[in-house]
PDB file of all heavy atoms in Angstrom:
ATOM      1  N   LYS A   1      70.607 -56.042  65.683  1.00  0.00           N
ATOM      2  CA  LYS A   1      69.263 -56.100  66.340  1.00  0.00           C
ATOM      3  C   LYS A   1      68.591 -54.719  66.337  1.00  0.00           C
ATOM      4  O   LYS A   1      67.397 -54.582  66.440  1.00  0.00           O
ATOM      5  CB  LYS A   1      69.444 -56.613  67.828  1.00  0.00           C
ATOM      6  CG  LYS A   1      69.968 -57.940  68.007  1.00  0.00           C
ATOM      7  CD  LYS A   1      70.002 -58.342  69.491  1.00  0.00           C
ATOM      8  CE  LYS A   1      70.503 -59.799  69.645  1.00  0.00           C
ATOM      9  NZ  LYS A   1      70.555 -60.132  71.085  1.00  0.00           N
ATOM     10  N   ASN A   2      69.407 -53.688  66.222  1.00  0.00           N
ATOM     11  CA  ASN A   2      68.849 -52.303  66.360  1.00  0.00           C
ATOM     12  C   ASN A   2      69.214 -51.527  65.098  1.00  0.00           C
ATOM     13  O   ASN A   2      70.268 -51.401  64.730  1.00  0.00           O
ATOM     14  CB  ASN A   2      69.430 -51.608  67.559  1.00  0.00           C
ATOM     15  CG  ASN A   2      69.319 -52.417  68.841  1.00  0.00           C
ATOM     16  OD1 ASN A   2      68.236 -52.862  69.225  1.00  0.00           O
ATOM     17  ND2 ASN A   2      70.407 -52.621  69.505  1.00  0.00           N
ATOM     18  N   PHE A   3      68.146 -50.919  64.542  1.00  0.00           N
ATOM     19  CA  PHE A   3      68.449 -50.101  63.275  1.00  0.00           C
ATOM     20  C   PHE A   3      67.851 -48.709  63.557  1.00  0.00           C
ATOM     21  O   PHE A   3      66.761 -48.458  63.857  1.00  0.00           O
ATOM     22  CB  PHE A   3      67.649 -50.678  62.069  1.00  0.00           C
ATOM     23  CG  PHE A   3      68.052 -52.218  61.809  1.00  0.00           C
ATOM     24  CD1 PHE A   3      67.445 -53.313  62.551  1.00  0.00           C
ATOM     25  CD2 PHE A   3      68.988 -52.429  60.941  1.00  0.00           C
ATOM     26  CE1 PHE A   3      67.898 -54.545  62.304  1.00  0.00           C
ATOM     27  CE2 PHE A   3      69.507 -53.737  60.738  1.00  0.00           C
ATOM     28  CZ  PHE A   3      68.917 -54.757  61.414  1.00  0.00           C
ATOM     29  N   VAL A   4      68.797 -47.762  63.445  1.00  0.00           N
ATOM     30  CA  VAL A   4      68.417 -46.280  63.594  1.00  0.00           C
ATOM     31  C   VAL A   4      68.578 -45.580  62.295  1.00  0.00           C
ATOM     32  O   VAL A   4      69.549 -45.641  61.614  1.00  0.00           O
ATOM     33  CB  VAL A   4      69.425 -45.681  64.647  1.00  0.00           C
ATOM     34  CG1 VAL A   4      68.986 -44.222  65.018  1.00  0.00           C
ATOM     35  CG2 VAL A   4      69.669 -46.472  65.845  1.00  0.00           C
ATOM     36  N   PHE A   5      67.397 -44.963  61.900  1.00  0.00           N
ATOM     37  CA  PHE A   5      67.399 -44.375  60.664  1.00  0.00           C
ATOM     38  C   PHE A   5      67.263 -42.665  60.680  1.00  0.00           C
ATOM     39  O   PHE A   5      66.649 -42.155  61.597  1.00  0.00           O
ATOM     40  CB  PHE A   5      66.109 -44.788  59.918  1.00  0.00           C
ATOM     41  CG  PHE A   5      66.115 -46.134  59.522  1.00  0.00           C
ATOM     42  CD1 PHE A   5      65.689 -47.120  60.370  1.00  0.00           C
ATOM     43  CD2 PHE A   5      66.406 -46.486  58.167  1.00  0.00           C
ATOM     44  CE1 PHE A   5      65.683 -48.577  59.863  1.00  0.00           C
ATOM     45  CE2 PHE A   5      66.442 -47.871  57.809  1.00  0.00           C
ATOM     46  CZ  PHE A   5      66.088 -48.857  58.621  1.00  0.00           C
ATOM     47  N   ASP A   6      67.848 -42.160  59.665  1.00  0.00           N
ATOM     48  CA  ASP A   6      67.757 -40.713  59.362  1.00  0.00           C
ATOM     49  C   ASP A   6      66.269 -40.684  58.673  1.00  0.00           C
ATOM     50  O   ASP A   6      65.793 -41.784  58.229  1.00  0.00           O
ATOM     51  CB  ASP A   6      68.754 -40.343  58.333  1.00  0.00           C
ATOM     52  CG  ASP A   6      68.452 -38.912  57.836  1.00  0.00           C
ATOM     53  OD1 ASP A   6      68.255 -37.965  58.536  1.00  0.00           O
ATOM     54  OD2 ASP A   6      68.534 -38.773  56.556  1.00  0.00           O
ATOM     55  N   ILE A   7      65.713 -39.552  58.514  1.00  0.00           N
ATOM     56  CA  ILE A   7      64.363 -39.469  57.844  1.00  0.00           C
ATOM     57  C   ILE A   7      64.552 -38.918  56.385  1.00  0.00           C
ATOM     58  O   ILE A   7      64.397 -39.694  55.469  1.00  0.00           O
ATOM     59  CB  ILE A   7      63.470 -38.535  58.652  1.00  0.00           C
ATOM     60  CG1 ILE A   7      63.174 -39.035  60.137  1.00  0.00           C
ATOM     61  CG2 ILE A   7      62.103 -38.382  57.930  1.00  0.00           C
ATOM     62  CD1 ILE A   7      62.309 -38.040  60.874  1.00  0.00           C
ATOM     63  N   TYR A   8      64.816 -37.725  56.309  1.00  0.00           N
ATOM     64  CA  TYR A   8      64.662 -37.049  55.030  1.00  0.00           C
ATOM     65  C   TYR A   8      65.900 -37.430  54.144  1.00  0.00           C
ATOM     66  O   TYR A   8      67.066 -37.099  54.521  1.00  0.00           O
ATOM     67  CB  TYR A   8      64.561 -35.491  55.177  1.00  0.00           C
ATOM     68  CG  TYR A   8      63.352 -35.142  55.999  1.00  0.00           C
ATOM     69  CD1 TYR A   8      63.435 -34.489  57.284  1.00  0.00           C
ATOM     70  CD2 TYR A   8      62.057 -35.430  55.546  1.00  0.00           C
ATOM     71  CE1 TYR A   8      62.262 -34.232  58.012  1.00  0.00           C
ATOM     72  CE2 TYR A   8      60.987 -35.051  56.321  1.00  0.00           C
ATOM     73  CZ  TYR A   8      61.134 -34.487  57.505  1.00  0.00           C
ATOM     74  OH  TYR A   8      59.990 -34.175  58.298  1.00  0.00           O
ATOM     75  N   GLY A   9      65.608 -37.878  52.958  1.00  0.00           N
ATOM     76  CA  GLY A   9      66.741 -38.331  52.022  1.00  0.00           C
ATOM     77  C   GLY A   9      67.031 -39.800  52.339  1.00  0.00           C
ATOM     78  O   GLY A   9      67.746 -40.313  51.450  1.00  0.00           O
ATOM     79  N   THR A  10      66.544 -40.397  53.342  1.00  0.00           N
ATOM     80  CA  THR A  10      66.843 -41.815  53.651  1.00  0.00           C
ATOM     81  C   THR A  10      65.426 -42.594  53.553  1.00  0.00           C
ATOM     82  O   THR A  10      65.338 -43.533  52.826  1.00  0.00           O
ATOM     83  CB  THR A  10      67.452 -41.991  55.042  1.00  0.00           C
ATOM     84  OG1 THR A  10      68.701 -41.213  55.071  1.00  0.00           O
ATOM     85  CG2 THR A  10      67.719 -43.491  55.377  1.00  0.00           C
ATOM     86  N   LEU A  11      64.449 -42.180  54.386  1.00  0.00           N
ATOM     87  CA  LEU A  11      63.151 -42.831  54.348  1.00  0.00           C
ATOM     88  C   LEU A  11      62.127 -42.023  53.433  1.00  0.00           C
ATOM     89  O   LEU A  11      61.333 -42.521  52.841  1.00  0.00           O
ATOM     90  CB  LEU A  11      62.637 -42.914  55.716  1.00  0.00           C
ATOM     91  CG  LEU A  11      63.412 -43.589  56.806  1.00  0.00           C
ATOM     92  CD1 LEU A  11      62.683 -43.512  58.112  1.00  0.00           C
ATOM     93  CD2 LEU A  11      63.506 -45.199  56.488  1.00  0.00           C
ATOM     94  N   VAL A  12      62.309 -40.646  53.483  1.00  0.00           N
ATOM     95  CA  VAL A  12      61.295 -39.826  52.942  1.00  0.00           C
ATOM     96  C   VAL A  12      61.992 -38.791  51.980  1.00  0.00           C
ATOM     97  O   VAL A  12      62.957 -38.244  52.217  1.00  0.00           O
ATOM     98  CB  VAL A  12      60.614 -38.979  54.043  1.00  0.00           C
ATOM     99  CG1 VAL A  12      59.691 -37.954  53.512  1.00  0.00           C
ATOM    100  CG2 VAL A  12      59.948 -39.991  54.971  1.00  0.00           C
ATOM    101  N   ASP A  13      61.275 -38.648  50.774  1.00  0.00           N
ATOM    102  CA  ASP A  13      61.681 -37.602  49.868  1.00  0.00           C
ATOM    103  C   ASP A  13      60.777 -36.406  50.045  1.00  0.00           C
ATOM    104  O   ASP A  13      59.513 -36.446  50.063  1.00  0.00           O
ATOM    105  CB  ASP A  13      61.432 -38.237  48.418  1.00  0.00           C
ATOM    106  CG  ASP A  13      61.915 -37.349  47.335  1.00  0.00           C
ATOM    107  OD1 ASP A  13      62.656 -36.315  47.575  1.00  0.00           O
ATOM    108  OD2 ASP A  13      61.499 -37.651  46.157  1.00  0.00           O
ATOM    109  N   ILE A  14      61.452 -35.304  50.256  1.00  0.00           N
ATOM    110  CA  ILE A  14      60.695 -34.082  50.517  1.00  0.00           C
ATOM    111  C   ILE A  14      61.343 -32.874  49.748  1.00  0.00           C
ATOM    112  O   ILE A  14      62.521 -32.864  49.513  1.00  0.00           O
ATOM    113  CB  ILE A  14      60.748 -33.755  51.997  1.00  0.00           C
ATOM    114  CG1 ILE A  14      59.824 -32.635  52.352  1.00  0.00           C
ATOM    115  CG2 ILE A  14      62.146 -33.499  52.419  1.00  0.00           C
ATOM    116  CD1 ILE A  14      59.508 -32.552  53.853  1.00  0.00           C
ATOM    117  N   LYS A  15      60.480 -31.890  49.504  1.00  0.00           N
ATOM    118  CA  LYS A  15      61.024 -30.589  48.957  1.00  0.00           C
ATOM    119  C   LYS A  15      60.320 -29.576  49.545  1.00  0.00           C
ATOM    120  O   LYS A  15      58.937 -29.424  49.505  1.00  0.00           O
ATOM    121  CB  LYS A  15      60.765 -30.615  47.403  1.00  0.00           C
ATOM    122  CG  LYS A  15      61.371 -29.385  46.759  1.00  0.00           C
ATOM    123  CD  LYS A  15      61.191 -29.257  45.232  1.00  0.00           C
ATOM    124  CE  LYS A  15      61.817 -28.124  44.668  1.00  0.00           C
ATOM    125  NZ  LYS A  15      61.739 -28.089  43.079  1.00  0.00           N
ATOM    126  N   THR A  16      60.968 -28.548  50.151  1.00  0.00           N
ATOM    127  CA  THR A  16      60.386 -27.377  50.758  1.00  0.00           C
ATOM    128  C   THR A  16      61.218 -26.144  50.358  1.00  0.00           C
ATOM    129  O   THR A  16      62.403 -26.295  49.977  1.00  0.00           O
ATOM    130  CB  THR A  16      60.455 -27.522  52.234  1.00  0.00           C
ATOM    131  OG1 THR A  16      61.792 -27.470  52.785  1.00  0.00           O
ATOM    132  CG2 THR A  16      59.757 -28.711  52.781  1.00  0.00           C
ATOM    133  N   ASP A  17      60.614 -25.041  50.312  1.00  0.00           N
ATOM    134  CA  ASP A  17      61.187 -23.832  49.945  1.00  0.00           C
ATOM    135  C   ASP A  17      60.564 -22.699  50.769  1.00  0.00           C
ATOM    136  O   ASP A  17      59.435 -22.186  50.509  1.00  0.00           O
ATOM    137  CB  ASP A  17      61.162 -23.497  48.470  1.00  0.00           C
ATOM    138  CG  ASP A  17      61.799 -22.316  48.008  1.00  0.00           C
ATOM    139  OD1 ASP A  17      62.343 -21.610  48.960  1.00  0.00           O
ATOM    140  OD2 ASP A  17      61.934 -21.994  46.911  1.00  0.00           O
ATOM    141  N   GLU A  18      61.187 -22.319  51.844  1.00  0.00           N
ATOM    142  CA  GLU A  18      60.716 -21.233  52.758  1.00  0.00           C
ATOM    143  C   GLU A  18      61.016 -19.785  52.246  1.00  0.00           C
ATOM    144  O   GLU A  18      60.630 -18.878  52.780  1.00  0.00           O
ATOM    145  CB  GLU A  18      61.231 -21.432  54.151  1.00  0.00           C
ATOM    146  CG  GLU A  18      60.738 -22.750  54.852  1.00  0.00           C
ATOM    147  CD  GLU A  18      61.303 -22.909  56.216  1.00  0.00           C
ATOM    148  OE1 GLU A  18      62.119 -21.995  56.729  1.00  0.00           O
ATOM    149  OE2 GLU A  18      61.098 -23.909  56.829  1.00  0.00           O
ATOM    150  N   GLN A  19      61.853 -19.769  51.147  1.00  0.00           N
ATOM    151  CA  GLN A  19      62.263 -18.491  50.606  1.00  0.00           C
ATOM    152  C   GLN A  19      61.467 -18.054  49.414  1.00  0.00           C
ATOM    153  O   GLN A  19      61.576 -16.847  48.989  1.00  0.00           O
ATOM    154  CB  GLN A  19      63.739 -18.545  50.233  1.00  0.00           C
ATOM    155  CG  GLN A  19      64.672 -18.815  51.465  1.00  0.00           C
ATOM    156  CD  GLN A  19      64.575 -17.783  52.505  1.00  0.00           C
ATOM    157  OE1 GLN A  19      64.339 -16.592  52.243  1.00  0.00           O
ATOM    158  NE2 GLN A  19      64.986 -18.100  53.685  1.00  0.00           N
ATOM    159  N   SER A  20      60.569 -18.849  48.842  1.00  0.00           N
ATOM    160  CA  SER A  20      59.830 -18.541  47.673  1.00  0.00           C
ATOM    161  C   SER A  20      58.915 -17.466  47.897  1.00  0.00           C
ATOM    162  O   SER A  20      58.261 -17.426  48.935  1.00  0.00           O
ATOM    163  CB  SER A  20      59.225 -19.813  47.018  1.00  0.00           C
ATOM    164  OG  SER A  20      58.058 -20.049  47.743  1.00  0.00           O
ATOM    165  N   SER A  21      58.699 -16.556  46.937  1.00  0.00           N
ATOM    166  CA  SER A  21      57.747 -15.469  47.139  1.00  0.00           C
ATOM    167  C   SER A  21      56.347 -16.003  47.145  1.00  0.00           C
ATOM    168  O   SER A  21      55.510 -15.475  47.808  1.00  0.00           O
ATOM    169  CB  SER A  21      57.938 -14.493  45.906  1.00  0.00           C
ATOM    170  OG  SER A  21      57.793 -15.141  44.724  1.00  0.00           O
ATOM    171  N   ARG A  22      56.064 -17.128  46.408  1.00  0.00           N
ATOM    172  CA  ARG A  22      54.767 -17.569  46.377  1.00  0.00           C
ATOM    173  C   ARG A  22      54.354 -18.141  47.823  1.00  0.00           C
ATOM    174  O   ARG A  22      53.200 -17.942  48.210  1.00  0.00           O
ATOM    175  CB  ARG A  22      54.605 -18.749  45.300  1.00  0.00           C
ATOM    176  CG  ARG A  22      53.234 -19.379  45.182  1.00  0.00           C
ATOM    177  CD  ARG A  22      53.166 -20.420  44.052  1.00  0.00           C
ATOM    178  NE  ARG A  22      51.838 -20.970  43.852  1.00  0.00           N
ATOM    179  CZ  ARG A  22      51.478 -22.067  44.470  1.00  0.00           C
ATOM    180  NH1 ARG A  22      52.266 -22.694  45.326  1.00  0.00           N
ATOM    181  NH2 ARG A  22      50.296 -22.510  44.286  1.00  0.00           N
ATOM    182  N   PHE A  23      55.378 -18.946  48.376  1.00  0.00           N
ATOM    183  CA  PHE A  23      55.056 -19.397  49.673  1.00  0.00           C
ATOM    184  C   PHE A  23      54.810 -18.221  50.635  1.00  0.00           C
ATOM    185  O   PHE A  23      53.827 -18.275  51.483  1.00  0.00           O
ATOM    186  CB  PHE A  23      56.151 -20.284  50.182  1.00  0.00           C
ATOM    187  CG  PHE A  23      56.271 -20.352  51.658  1.00  0.00           C
ATOM    188  CD1 PHE A  23      55.273 -21.025  52.380  1.00  0.00           C
ATOM    189  CD2 PHE A  23      57.231 -19.855  52.386  1.00  0.00           C
ATOM    190  CE1 PHE A  23      55.314 -21.131  53.781  1.00  0.00           C
ATOM    191  CE2 PHE A  23      57.360 -19.976  53.802  1.00  0.00           C
ATOM    192  CZ  PHE A  23      56.319 -20.585  54.510  1.00  0.00           C
ATOM    193  N   LYS A  24      55.612 -17.281  50.633  1.00  0.00           N
ATOM    194  CA  LYS A  24      55.502 -16.183  51.578  1.00  0.00           C
ATOM    195  C   LYS A  24      54.283 -15.456  51.456  1.00  0.00           C
ATOM    196  O   LYS A  24      53.547 -14.966  52.361  1.00  0.00           O
ATOM    197  CB  LYS A  24      56.676 -15.190  51.465  1.00  0.00           C
ATOM    198  CG  LYS A  24      58.050 -15.787  51.935  1.00  0.00           C
ATOM    199  CD  LYS A  24      59.187 -14.743  51.801  1.00  0.00           C
ATOM    200  CE  LYS A  24      60.521 -15.366  52.243  1.00  0.00           C
ATOM    201  NZ  LYS A  24      61.575 -14.313  52.123  1.00  0.00           N
ATOM    202  N   ARG A  25      53.855 -15.246  50.172  1.00  0.00           N
ATOM    203  CA  ARG A  25      52.584 -14.531  49.859  1.00  0.00           C
ATOM    204  C   ARG A  25      51.437 -15.350  50.375  1.00  0.00           C
ATOM    205  O   ARG A  25      50.420 -14.774  51.142  1.00  0.00           O
ATOM    206  CB  ARG A  25      52.401 -14.354  48.356  1.00  0.00           C
ATOM    207  CG  ARG A  25      51.224 -13.553  48.021  1.00  0.00           C
ATOM    208  CD  ARG A  25      51.204 -13.190  46.522  1.00  0.00           C
ATOM    209  NE  ARG A  25      51.275 -14.411  45.568  1.00  0.00           N
ATOM    210  CZ  ARG A  25      52.377 -14.832  44.996  1.00  0.00           C
ATOM    211  NH1 ARG A  25      53.530 -14.256  45.047  1.00  0.00           N
ATOM    212  NH2 ARG A  25      52.284 -15.834  44.172  1.00  0.00           N
ATOM    213  N   ARG A  26      51.353 -16.624  50.168  1.00  0.00           N
ATOM    214  CA  ARG A  26      50.249 -17.479  50.666  1.00  0.00           C
ATOM    215  C   ARG A  26      50.237 -17.573  52.059  1.00  0.00           C
ATOM    216  O   ARG A  26      49.117 -17.582  52.719  1.00  0.00           O
ATOM    217  CB  ARG A  26      50.405 -18.899  49.923  1.00  0.00           C
ATOM    218  CG  ARG A  26      50.156 -18.875  48.428  1.00  0.00           C
ATOM    219  CD  ARG A  26      50.381 -20.344  47.910  1.00  0.00           C
ATOM    220  NE  ARG A  26      49.301 -21.223  48.380  1.00  0.00           N
ATOM    221  CZ  ARG A  26      49.366 -22.563  48.352  1.00  0.00           C
ATOM    222  NH1 ARG A  26      50.513 -23.140  47.876  1.00  0.00           N
ATOM    223  NH2 ARG A  26      48.441 -23.363  48.722  1.00  0.00           N
ATOM    224  N   PHE A  27      51.352 -17.753  52.744  1.00  0.00           N
ATOM    225  CA  PHE A  27      51.281 -17.965  54.196  1.00  0.00           C
ATOM    226  C   PHE A  27      50.952 -16.594  54.914  1.00  0.00           C
ATOM    227  O   PHE A  27      50.271 -16.655  55.869  1.00  0.00           O
ATOM    228  CB  PHE A  27      52.757 -18.465  54.667  1.00  0.00           C
ATOM    229  CG  PHE A  27      52.724 -18.592  56.261  1.00  0.00           C
ATOM    230  CD1 PHE A  27      52.137 -19.674  56.819  1.00  0.00           C
ATOM    231  CD2 PHE A  27      53.166 -17.589  57.062  1.00  0.00           C
ATOM    232  CE1 PHE A  27      52.080 -19.905  58.133  1.00  0.00           C
ATOM    233  CE2 PHE A  27      53.208 -17.839  58.476  1.00  0.00           C
ATOM    234  CZ  PHE A  27      52.617 -18.845  58.993  1.00  0.00           C
ATOM    235  N   SER A  28      51.549 -15.497  54.281  1.00  0.00           N
ATOM    236  CA  SER A  28      51.128 -14.213  54.984  1.00  0.00           C
ATOM    237  C   SER A  28      49.622 -13.974  54.960  1.00  0.00           C
ATOM    238  O   SER A  28      49.072 -13.422  55.934  1.00  0.00           O
ATOM    239  CB  SER A  28      51.896 -13.135  54.243  1.00  0.00           C
ATOM    240  OG  SER A  28      53.254 -13.195  54.430  1.00  0.00           O
ATOM    241  N   ALA A  29      49.045 -14.343  53.768  1.00  0.00           N
ATOM    242  CA  ALA A  29      47.625 -14.188  53.672  1.00  0.00           C
ATOM    243  C   ALA A  29      46.837 -14.949  54.696  1.00  0.00           C
ATOM    244  O   ALA A  29      45.849 -14.638  55.385  1.00  0.00           O
ATOM    245  CB  ALA A  29      47.119 -14.563  52.300  1.00  0.00           C
ATOM    246  N   TYR A  30      47.312 -16.234  54.900  1.00  0.00           N
ATOM    247  CA  TYR A  30      46.763 -17.151  55.896  1.00  0.00           C
ATOM    248  C   TYR A  30      46.929 -16.551  57.301  1.00  0.00           C
ATOM    249  O   TYR A  30      46.025 -16.476  58.212  1.00  0.00           O
ATOM    250  CB  TYR A  30      47.325 -18.465  55.755  1.00  0.00           C
ATOM    251  CG  TYR A  30      46.953 -19.445  56.958  1.00  0.00           C
ATOM    252  CD1 TYR A  30      45.801 -20.078  57.099  1.00  0.00           C
ATOM    253  CD2 TYR A  30      47.858 -19.574  58.127  1.00  0.00           C
ATOM    254  CE1 TYR A  30      45.503 -20.886  58.147  1.00  0.00           C
ATOM    255  CE2 TYR A  30      47.643 -20.347  59.148  1.00  0.00           C
ATOM    256  CZ  TYR A  30      46.322 -21.000  59.191  1.00  0.00           C
ATOM    257  OH  TYR A  30      46.040 -21.771  60.251  1.00  0.00           O
ATOM    258  N   PHE A  31      48.085 -16.212  57.604  1.00  0.00           N
ATOM    259  CA  PHE A  31      48.604 -15.678  58.946  1.00  0.00           C
ATOM    260  C   PHE A  31      47.695 -14.384  59.363  1.00  0.00           C
ATOM    261  O   PHE A  31      47.172 -14.241  60.369  1.00  0.00           O
ATOM    262  CB  PHE A  31      49.971 -15.412  59.032  1.00  0.00           C
ATOM    263  CG  PHE A  31      50.521 -14.826  60.321  1.00  0.00           C
ATOM    264  CD1 PHE A  31      50.725 -15.746  61.420  1.00  0.00           C
ATOM    265  CD2 PHE A  31      50.649 -13.451  60.521  1.00  0.00           C
ATOM    266  CE1 PHE A  31      51.061 -15.286  62.602  1.00  0.00           C
ATOM    267  CE2 PHE A  31      51.165 -13.059  61.794  1.00  0.00           C
ATOM    268  CZ  PHE A  31      51.316 -13.950  62.911  1.00  0.00           C
ATOM    269  N   ASN A  32      47.691 -13.441  58.387  1.00  0.00           N
ATOM    270  CA  ASN A  32      46.940 -12.148  58.601  1.00  0.00           C
ATOM    271  C   ASN A  32      45.469 -12.397  58.841  1.00  0.00           C
ATOM    272  O   ASN A  32      44.822 -11.600  59.527  1.00  0.00           O
ATOM    273  CB  ASN A  32      47.238 -11.245  57.499  1.00  0.00           C
ATOM    274  CG  ASN A  32      48.710 -10.792  57.355  1.00  0.00           C
ATOM    275  OD1 ASN A  32      49.492 -10.774  58.488  1.00  0.00           O
ATOM    276  ND2 ASN A  32      49.103 -10.400  56.118  1.00  0.00           N
ATOM    277  N   LYS A  33      44.950 -13.456  58.213  1.00  0.00           N
ATOM    278  CA  LYS A  33      43.563 -13.725  58.392  1.00  0.00           C
ATOM    279  C   LYS A  33      43.139 -14.289  59.709  1.00  0.00           C
ATOM    280  O   LYS A  33      42.157 -14.012  60.313  1.00  0.00           O
ATOM    281  CB  LYS A  33      42.992 -14.718  57.276  1.00  0.00           C
ATOM    282  CG  LYS A  33      41.530 -15.107  57.363  1.00  0.00           C
ATOM    283  CD  LYS A  33      41.219 -16.018  56.187  1.00  0.00           C
ATOM    284  CE  LYS A  33      39.793 -16.458  56.297  1.00  0.00           C
ATOM    285  NZ  LYS A  33      39.388 -17.287  55.193  1.00  0.00           N
ATOM    286  N   HIS A  34      44.229 -15.095  60.278  1.00  0.00           N
ATOM    287  CA  HIS A  34      43.995 -15.799  61.486  1.00  0.00           C
ATOM    288  C   HIS A  34      44.594 -15.178  62.704  1.00  0.00           C
ATOM    289  O   HIS A  34      44.412 -15.641  63.856  1.00  0.00           O
ATOM    290  CB  HIS A  34      44.477 -17.202  61.395  1.00  0.00           C
ATOM    291  CG  HIS A  34      43.662 -18.130  60.467  1.00  0.00           C
ATOM    292  ND1 HIS A  34      43.739 -18.086  59.094  1.00  0.00           N
ATOM    293  CD2 HIS A  34      42.611 -19.027  60.754  1.00  0.00           C
ATOM    294  CE1 HIS A  34      42.917 -18.906  58.624  1.00  0.00           C
ATOM    295  NE2 HIS A  34      42.238 -19.508  59.511  1.00  0.00           N
TER     296      HIS A  34
END
């Protein structure tokens, strides 16, 4: 009667990279502006 799900890798396909230089450069520019 009850179904409990994990999210990532089960329901949702996702890819993130918080260590990439491109991400850090883009986010730093946004953060410093705001």
